[in-house]
Amino acid sequence: MRKVWDWLKQSNHYKHLVGGMAIGLMADDWYCATLSGVGIASALEYKDRAHGGAWDWIDWGLTLIGVLVGYGVKKAPSL
């Protein structure tokens, strides 16, 4: 478990995951969540590349995973 937390802290992976969850929680439907998640993840990575960094597919994917988790939590049936 410690390795997972250390990996999430590396290169701010956790910020992409948490930010994606916030997007998913605010989305009204799956289409809105997907479209905004892909757009925002791509914009974040483009910003990194435009300022001399490299495109990071792991950060991009973590943002989308966060969107799916956030939207799933929002739409989960209440018990």
PDB file of N, CA and C in Angstrom:
ATOM      1  N   MET A   1       0.824  -1.195   0.000  1.00  0.00           N
ATOM      2  CA  MET A   1       0.000   0.000   0.000  1.00  0.00           C
ATOM      3  C   MET A   1       0.861   1.250   0.000  1.00  0.00           C
ATOM      4  N   ARG A   2       1.985   1.161   0.688  1.00  0.00           N
ATOM      5  CA  ARG A   2       2.903   2.298   0.758  1.00  0.00           C
ATOM      6  C   ARG A   2       3.433   2.665  -0.631  1.00  0.00           C
ATOM      7  N   LYS A   3       3.686   1.646  -1.462  1.00  0.00           N
ATOM      8  CA  LYS A   3       4.184   1.893  -2.811  1.00  0.00           C
ATOM      9  C   LYS A   3       3.153   2.638  -3.663  1.00  0.00           C
ATOM     10  N   VAL A   4       1.887   2.300  -3.467  1.00  0.00           N
ATOM     11  CA  VAL A   4       0.822   2.973  -4.218  1.00  0.00           C
ATOM     12  C   VAL A   4       0.756   4.442  -3.832  1.00  0.00           C
ATOM     13  N   TRP A   5       0.817   4.746  -2.543  1.00  0.00           N
ATOM     14  CA  TRP A   5       0.776   6.148  -2.099  1.00  0.00           C
ATOM     15  C   TRP A   5       1.994   6.916  -2.589  1.00  0.00           C
ATOM     16  N   ASP A   6       3.167   6.277  -2.548  1.00  0.00           N
ATOM     17  CA  ASP A   6       4.373   6.936  -3.049  1.00  0.00           C
ATOM     18  C   ASP A   6       4.269   7.217  -4.545  1.00  0.00           C
ATOM     19  N   TRP A   7       3.673   6.269  -5.297  1.00  0.00           N
ATOM     20  CA  TRP A   7       3.499   6.468  -6.725  1.00  0.00           C
ATOM     21  C   TRP A   7       2.494   7.594  -7.001  1.00  0.00           C
ATOM     22  N   LEU A   8       1.424   7.666  -6.215  1.00  0.00           N
ATOM     23  CA  LEU A   8       0.438   8.726  -6.408  1.00  0.00           C
ATOM     24  C   LEU A   8       1.020  10.104  -6.106  1.00  0.00           C
ATOM     25  N   LYS A   9       1.946  10.174  -5.165  1.00  0.00           N
ATOM     26  CA  LYS A   9       2.579  11.451  -4.838  1.00  0.00           C
ATOM     27  C   LYS A   9       3.581  11.889  -5.901  1.00  0.00           C
ATOM     28  N   GLN A  10       4.096  10.928  -6.634  1.00  0.00           N
ATOM     29  CA  GLN A  10       5.077  11.221  -7.676  1.00  0.00           C
ATOM     30  C   GLN A  10       4.407  11.987  -8.815  1.00  0.00           C
ATOM     31  N   SER A  11       4.988  13.100  -9.201  1.00  0.00           N
ATOM     32  CA  SER A  11       4.508  13.899 -10.332  1.00  0.00           C
ATOM     33  C   SER A  11       3.047  14.340 -10.160  1.00  0.00           C
ATOM     34  N   ASN A  12       2.594  14.486  -8.932  1.00  0.00           N
ATOM     35  CA  ASN A  12       1.239  14.978  -8.640  1.00  0.00           C
ATOM     36  C   ASN A  12       0.137  14.112  -9.256  1.00  0.00           C
ATOM     37  N   HIS A  13       0.339  12.811  -9.292  1.00  0.00           N
ATOM     38  CA  HIS A  13      -0.688  11.918  -9.824  1.00  0.00           C
ATOM     39  C   HIS A  13      -1.993  12.044  -9.047  1.00  0.00           C
ATOM     40  N   TYR A  14      -1.899  12.204  -7.750  1.00  0.00           N
ATOM     41  CA  TYR A  14      -3.115  12.286  -6.936  1.00  0.00           C
ATOM     42  C   TYR A  14      -3.939  13.519  -7.275  1.00  0.00           C
ATOM     43  N   LYS A  15      -3.301  14.600  -7.692  1.00  0.00           N
ATOM     44  CA  LYS A  15      -4.059  15.801  -8.053  1.00  0.00           C
ATOM     45  C   LYS A  15      -4.899  15.560  -9.301  1.00  0.00           C
ATOM     46  N   HIS A  16      -4.374  14.801 -10.246  1.00  0.00           N
ATOM     47  CA  HIS A  16      -5.151  14.464 -11.439  1.00  0.00           C
ATOM     48  C   HIS A  16      -6.335  13.571 -11.071  1.00  0.00           C
ATOM     49  N   LEU A  17      -6.101  12.627 -10.179  1.00  0.00           N
ATOM     50  CA  LEU A  17      -7.167  11.718  -9.750  1.00  0.00           C
ATOM     51  C   LEU A  17      -8.264  12.468  -8.991  1.00  0.00           C
ATOM     52  N   VAL A  18      -7.890  13.314  -8.061  1.00  0.00           N
ATOM     53  CA  VAL A  18      -8.865  14.070  -7.265  1.00  0.00           C
ATOM     54  C   VAL A  18      -9.594  15.097  -8.133  1.00  0.00           C
ATOM     55  N   GLY A  19      -8.871  15.760  -9.011  1.00  0.00           N
ATOM     56  CA  GLY A  19      -9.515  16.725  -9.918  1.00  0.00           C
ATOM     57  C   GLY A  19     -10.519  16.052 -10.833  1.00  0.00           C
ATOM     58  N   GLY A  20     -10.170  14.874 -11.337  1.00  0.00           N
ATOM     59  CA  GLY A  20     -11.107  14.124 -12.168  1.00  0.00           C
ATOM     60  C   GLY A  20     -12.344  13.708 -11.394  1.00  0.00           C
ATOM     61  N   MET A  21     -12.157  13.332 -10.126  1.00  0.00           N
ATOM     62  CA  MET A  21     -13.309  12.968  -9.293  1.00  0.00           C
ATOM     63  C   MET A  21     -14.245  14.171  -9.113  1.00  0.00           C
ATOM     64  N   ALA A  22     -13.685  15.351  -8.942  1.00  0.00           N
ATOM     65  CA  ALA A  22     -14.506  16.555  -8.800  1.00  0.00           C
ATOM     66  C   ALA A  22     -15.309  16.808 -10.076  1.00  0.00           C
ATOM     67  N   ILE A  23     -14.695  16.603 -11.225  1.00  0.00           N
ATOM     68  CA  ILE A  23     -15.407  16.771 -12.496  1.00  0.00           C
ATOM     69  C   ILE A  23     -16.554  15.770 -12.585  1.00  0.00           C
ATOM     70  N   GLY A  24     -16.287  14.521 -12.248  1.00  0.00           N
ATOM     71  CA  GLY A  24     -17.317  13.483 -12.300  1.00  0.00           C
ATOM     72  C   GLY A  24     -18.469  13.748 -11.351  1.00  0.00           C
ATOM     73  N   LEU A  25     -18.164  14.265 -10.177  1.00  0.00           N
ATOM     74  CA  LEU A  25     -19.218  14.565  -9.204  1.00  0.00           C
ATOM     75  C   LEU A  25     -20.111  15.715  -9.655  1.00  0.00           C
ATOM     76  N   MET A  26     -19.561  16.637 -10.434  1.00  0.00           N
ATOM     77  CA  MET A  26     -20.336  17.798 -10.880  1.00  0.00           C
ATOM     78  C   MET A  26     -21.077  17.565 -12.186  1.00  0.00           C
ATOM     79  N   ALA A  27     -20.776  16.471 -12.889  1.00  0.00           N
ATOM     80  CA  ALA A  27     -21.391  16.211 -14.188  1.00  0.00           C
ATOM     81  C   ALA A  27     -22.841  15.753 -14.028  1.00  0.00           C
ATOM     82  N   ASP A  28     -23.677  16.165 -14.980  1.00  0.00           N
ATOM     83  CA  ASP A  28     -25.099  15.803 -14.950  1.00  0.00           C
ATOM     84  C   ASP A  28     -25.385  14.430 -15.552  1.00  0.00           C
ATOM     85  N   ASP A  29     -24.642  14.059 -16.597  1.00  0.00           N
ATOM     86  CA  ASP A  29     -24.839  12.743 -17.207  1.00  0.00           C
ATOM     87  C   ASP A  29     -23.496  12.214 -17.696  1.00  0.00           C
ATOM     88  N   TRP A  30     -23.475  10.975 -18.160  1.00  0.00           N
ATOM     89  CA  TRP A  30     -22.227  10.322 -18.551  1.00  0.00           C
ATOM     90  C   TRP A  30     -21.563  11.030 -19.716  1.00  0.00           C
ATOM     91  N   TYR A  31     -22.378  11.566 -20.637  1.00  0.00           N
ATOM     92  CA  TYR A  31     -21.825  12.261 -21.797  1.00  0.00           C
ATOM     93  C   TYR A  31     -21.096  13.524 -21.368  1.00  0.00           C
ATOM     94  N   CYS A  32     -21.686  14.278 -20.483  1.00  0.00           N
ATOM     95  CA  CYS A  32     -21.066  15.495 -19.960  1.00  0.00           C
ATOM     96  C   CYS A  32     -19.785  15.161 -19.207  1.00  0.00           C
ATOM     97  N   ALA A  33     -19.809  14.112 -18.408  1.00  0.00           N
ATOM     98  CA  ALA A  33     -18.629  13.707 -17.647  1.00  0.00           C
ATOM     99  C   ALA A  33     -17.494  13.305 -18.582  1.00  0.00           C
ATOM    100  N   THR A  34     -17.811  12.519 -19.593  1.00  0.00           N
ATOM    101  CA  THR A  34     -16.789  12.058 -20.527  1.00  0.00           C
ATOM    102  C   THR A  34     -16.207  13.207 -21.335  1.00  0.00           C
ATOM    103  N   LEU A  35     -17.061  14.025 -21.892  1.00  0.00           N
ATOM    104  CA  LEU A  35     -16.607  15.128 -22.731  1.00  0.00           C
ATOM    105  C   LEU A  35     -15.762  16.123 -21.938  1.00  0.00           C
ATOM    106  N   SER A  36     -16.232  16.514 -20.782  1.00  0.00           N
ATOM    107  CA  SER A  36     -15.464  17.472 -19.988  1.00  0.00           C
ATOM    108  C   SER A  36     -14.191  16.839 -19.443  1.00  0.00           C
ATOM    109  N   GLY A  37     -14.232  15.565 -19.078  1.00  0.00           N
ATOM    110  CA  GLY A  37     -13.046  14.882 -18.573  1.00  0.00           C
ATOM    111  C   GLY A  37     -11.946  14.797 -19.621  1.00  0.00           C
ATOM    112  N   VAL A  38     -12.303  14.401 -20.832  1.00  0.00           N
ATOM    113  CA  VAL A  38     -11.317  14.315 -21.910  1.00  0.00           C
ATOM    114  C   VAL A  38     -10.776  15.704 -22.248  1.00  0.00           C
ATOM    115  N   GLY A  39     -11.649  16.684 -22.297  1.00  0.00           N
ATOM    116  CA  GLY A  39     -11.219  18.044 -22.620  1.00  0.00           C
ATOM    117  C   GLY A  39     -10.280  18.625 -21.582  1.00  0.00           C
ATOM    118  N   ILE A  40     -10.619  18.474 -20.333  1.00  0.00           N
ATOM    119  CA  ILE A  40      -9.792  19.038 -19.264  1.00  0.00           C
ATOM    120  C   ILE A  40      -8.483  18.271 -19.123  1.00  0.00           C
ATOM    121  N   ALA A  41      -8.522  16.946 -19.224  1.00  0.00           N
ATOM    122  CA  ALA A  41      -7.289  16.161 -19.148  1.00  0.00           C
ATOM    123  C   ALA A  41      -6.344  16.535 -20.294  1.00  0.00           C
ATOM    124  N   SER A  42      -6.893  16.707 -21.486  1.00  0.00           N
ATOM    125  CA  SER A  42      -6.069  17.085 -22.632  1.00  0.00           C
ATOM    126  C   SER A  42      -5.516  18.488 -22.475  1.00  0.00           C
ATOM    127  N   ALA A  43      -6.322  19.393 -21.953  1.00  0.00           N
ATOM    128  CA  ALA A  43      -5.844  20.764 -21.740  1.00  0.00           C
ATOM    129  C   ALA A  43      -4.726  20.813 -20.708  1.00  0.00           C
ATOM    130  N   LEU A  44      -4.840  20.031 -19.646  1.00  0.00           N
ATOM    131  CA  LEU A  44      -3.779  19.992 -18.633  1.00  0.00           C
ATOM    132  C   LEU A  44      -2.470  19.469 -19.221  1.00  0.00           C
ATOM    133  N   GLU A  45      -2.563  18.433 -20.021  1.00  0.00           N
ATOM    134  CA  GLU A  45      -1.345  17.875 -20.608  1.00  0.00           C
ATOM    135  C   GLU A  45      -0.777  18.782 -21.689  1.00  0.00           C
ATOM    136  N   TYR A  46      -1.633  19.457 -22.442  1.00  0.00           N
ATOM    137  CA  TYR A  46      -1.144  20.422 -23.431  1.00  0.00           C
ATOM    138  C   TYR A  46      -0.408  21.566 -22.748  1.00  0.00           C
ATOM    139  N   LYS A  47      -0.940  22.009 -21.614  1.00  0.00           N
ATOM    140  CA  LYS A  47      -0.278  23.069 -20.853  1.00  0.00           C
ATOM    141  C   LYS A  47       1.111  22.638 -20.416  1.00  0.00           C
ATOM    142  N   ASP A  48       1.229  21.411 -19.941  1.00  0.00           N
ATOM    143  CA  ASP A  48       2.540  20.896 -19.545  1.00  0.00           C
ATOM    144  C   ASP A  48       3.499  20.869 -20.730  1.00  0.00           C
ATOM    145  N   ARG A  49       3.008  20.420 -21.862  1.00  0.00           N
ATOM    146  CA  ARG A  49       3.859  20.330 -23.052  1.00  0.00           C
ATOM    147  C   ARG A  49       4.233  21.713 -23.578  1.00  0.00           C
ATOM    148  N   ALA A  50       3.311  22.644 -23.535  1.00  0.00           N
ATOM    149  CA  ALA A  50       3.582  23.999 -24.033  1.00  0.00           C
ATOM    150  C   ALA A  50       4.609  24.736 -23.182  1.00  0.00           C
ATOM    151  N   HIS A  51       4.733  24.336 -21.939  1.00  0.00           N
ATOM    152  CA  HIS A  51       5.700  24.988 -21.040  1.00  0.00           C
ATOM    153  C   HIS A  51       6.974  24.168 -20.872  1.00  0.00           C
ATOM    154  N   GLY A  52       7.296  23.362 -21.861  1.00  0.00           N
ATOM    155  CA  GLY A  52       8.560  22.652 -21.868  1.00  0.00           C
ATOM    156  C   GLY A  52       8.539  21.254 -21.295  1.00  0.00           C
ATOM    157  N   GLY A  53       7.425  20.795 -20.823  1.00  0.00           N
ATOM    158  CA  GLY A  53       7.333  19.442 -20.277  1.00  0.00           C
ATOM    159  C   GLY A  53       6.978  18.441 -21.355  1.00  0.00           C
ATOM    160  N   ALA A  54       6.671  17.255 -20.949  1.00  0.00           N
ATOM    161  CA  ALA A  54       6.272  16.205 -21.882  1.00  0.00           C
ATOM    162  C   ALA A  54       4.826  15.811 -21.611  1.00  0.00           C
ATOM    163  N   TRP A  55       4.181  15.309 -22.652  1.00  0.00           N
ATOM    164  CA  TRP A  55       2.818  14.787 -22.508  1.00  0.00           C
ATOM    165  C   TRP A  55       2.887  13.540 -21.646  1.00  0.00           C
ATOM    166  N   ASP A  56       2.089  13.473 -20.600  1.00  0.00           N
ATOM    167  CA  ASP A  56       2.123  12.334 -19.686  1.00  0.00           C
ATOM    168  C   ASP A  56       0.798  11.584 -19.775  1.00  0.00           C
ATOM    169  N   TRP A  57       0.824  10.443 -20.440  1.00  0.00           N
ATOM    170  CA  TRP A  57      -0.386   9.659 -20.625  1.00  0.00           C
ATOM    171  C   TRP A  57      -0.911   9.104 -19.313  1.00  0.00           C
ATOM    172  N   ILE A  58      -0.026   8.901 -18.348  1.00  0.00           N
ATOM    173  CA  ILE A  58      -0.471   8.400 -17.047  1.00  0.00           C
ATOM    174  C   ILE A  58      -1.328   9.451 -16.352  1.00  0.00           C
ATOM    175  N   ASP A  59      -0.893  10.707 -16.349  1.00  0.00           N
ATOM    176  CA  ASP A  59      -1.695  11.783 -15.757  1.00  0.00           C
ATOM    177  C   ASP A  59      -3.019  11.933 -16.499  1.00  0.00           C
ATOM    178  N   TRP A  60      -2.974  11.838 -17.819  1.00  0.00           N
ATOM    179  CA  TRP A  60      -4.188  11.963 -18.624  1.00  0.00           C
ATOM    180  C   TRP A  60      -5.168  10.850 -18.256  1.00  0.00           C
ATOM    181  N   GLY A  61      -4.668   9.635 -18.157  1.00  0.00           N
ATOM    182  CA  GLY A  61      -5.519   8.502 -17.800  1.00  0.00           C
ATOM    183  C   GLY A  61      -6.051   8.585 -16.383  1.00  0.00           C
ATOM    184  N   LEU A  62      -5.218   9.054 -15.450  1.00  0.00           N
ATOM    185  CA  LEU A  62      -5.674   9.194 -14.064  1.00  0.00           C
ATOM    186  C   LEU A  62      -6.794  10.223 -13.957  1.00  0.00           C
ATOM    187  N   THR A  63      -6.725  11.275 -14.753  1.00  0.00           N
ATOM    188  CA  THR A  63      -7.804  12.267 -14.744  1.00  0.00           C
ATOM    189  C   THR A  63      -9.107  11.619 -15.193  1.00  0.00           C
ATOM    190  N   LEU A  64      -9.047  10.820 -16.246  1.00  0.00           N
ATOM    191  CA  LEU A  64     -10.259  10.152 -16.734  1.00  0.00           C
ATOM    192  C   LEU A  64     -10.767   9.083 -15.765  1.00  0.00           C
ATOM    193  N   ILE A  65      -9.847   8.375 -15.128  1.00  0.00           N
ATOM    194  CA  ILE A  65     -10.267   7.399 -14.117  1.00  0.00           C
ATOM    195  C   ILE A  65     -10.963   8.113 -12.967  1.00  0.00           C
ATOM    196  N   GLY A  66     -10.442   9.265 -12.578  1.00  0.00           N
ATOM    197  CA  GLY A  66     -11.079  10.060 -11.530  1.00  0.00           C
ATOM    198  C   GLY A  66     -12.477  10.505 -11.930  1.00  0.00           C
ATOM    199  N   VAL A  67     -12.648  10.881 -13.196  1.00  0.00           N
ATOM    200  CA  VAL A  67     -13.975  11.269 -13.689  1.00  0.00           C
ATOM    201  C   VAL A  67     -14.940  10.093 -13.578  1.00  0.00           C
ATOM    202  N   LEU A  68     -14.499   8.919 -13.997  1.00  0.00           N
ATOM    203  CA  LEU A  68     -15.360   7.734 -13.921  1.00  0.00           C
ATOM    204  C   LEU A  68     -15.722   7.390 -12.482  1.00  0.00           C
ATOM    205  N   VAL A  69     -14.756   7.474 -11.589  1.00  0.00           N
ATOM    206  CA  VAL A  69     -15.020   7.175 -10.177  1.00  0.00           C
ATOM    207  C   VAL A  69     -15.977   8.207  -9.589  1.00  0.00           C
ATOM    208  N   GLY A  70     -15.717   9.478  -9.857  1.00  0.00           N
ATOM    209  CA  GLY A  70     -16.581  10.538  -9.335  1.00  0.00           C
ATOM    210  C   GLY A  70     -18.015  10.422  -9.838  1.00  0.00           C
ATOM    211  N   TYR A  71     -18.156  10.150 -11.133  1.00  0.00           N
ATOM    212  CA  TYR A  71     -19.506  10.012 -11.683  1.00  0.00           C
ATOM    213  C   TYR A  71     -20.177   8.747 -11.165  1.00  0.00           C
ATOM    214  N   GLY A  72     -19.388   7.688 -10.996  1.00  0.00           N
ATOM    215  CA  GLY A  72     -19.934   6.449 -10.439  1.00  0.00           C
ATOM    216  C   GLY A  72     -20.424   6.622  -9.020  1.00  0.00           C
ATOM    217  N   VAL A  73     -19.687   7.377  -8.222  1.00  0.00           N
ATOM    218  CA  VAL A  73     -20.105   7.642  -6.840  1.00  0.00           C
ATOM    219  C   VAL A  73     -21.399   8.451  -6.829  1.00  0.00           C
ATOM    220  N   LYS A  74     -21.486   9.416  -7.736  1.00  0.00           N
ATOM    221  CA  LYS A  74     -22.683  10.268  -7.786  1.00  0.00           C
ATOM    222  C   LYS A  74     -23.913   9.460  -8.199  1.00  0.00           C
ATOM    223  N   LYS A  75     -23.756   8.555  -9.151  1.00  0.00           N
ATOM    224  CA  LYS A  75     -24.893   7.807  -9.693  1.00  0.00           C
ATOM    225  C   LYS A  75     -25.121   6.463  -9.013  1.00  0.00           C
ATOM    226  N   ALA A  76     -24.333   6.137  -8.018  1.00  0.00           N
ATOM    227  CA  ALA A  76     -24.503   4.857  -7.319  1.00  0.00           C
ATOM    228  C   ALA A  76     -25.860   4.836  -6.621  1.00  0.00           C
ATOM    229  N   PRO A  77     -26.545   3.715  -6.693  1.00  0.00           N
ATOM    230  CA  PRO A  77     -27.849   3.640  -6.027  1.00  0.00           C
ATOM    231  C   PRO A  77     -27.674   3.744  -4.500  1.00  0.00           C
ATOM    232  N   SER A  78     -28.545   4.503  -3.909  1.00  0.00           N
ATOM    233  CA  SER A  78     -28.470   4.659  -2.442  1.00  0.00           C
ATOM    234  C   SER A  78     -29.069   3.423  -1.770  1.00  0.00           C
ATOM    235  N   LEU A  79     -28.501   3.069  -0.667  1.00  0.00           N
ATOM    236  CA  LEU A  79     -28.955   1.863   0.035  1.00  0.00           C
ATOM    237  C   LEU A  79     -30.020   2.180   1.046  1.00  0.00           C
TER     238      LEU A  79
END
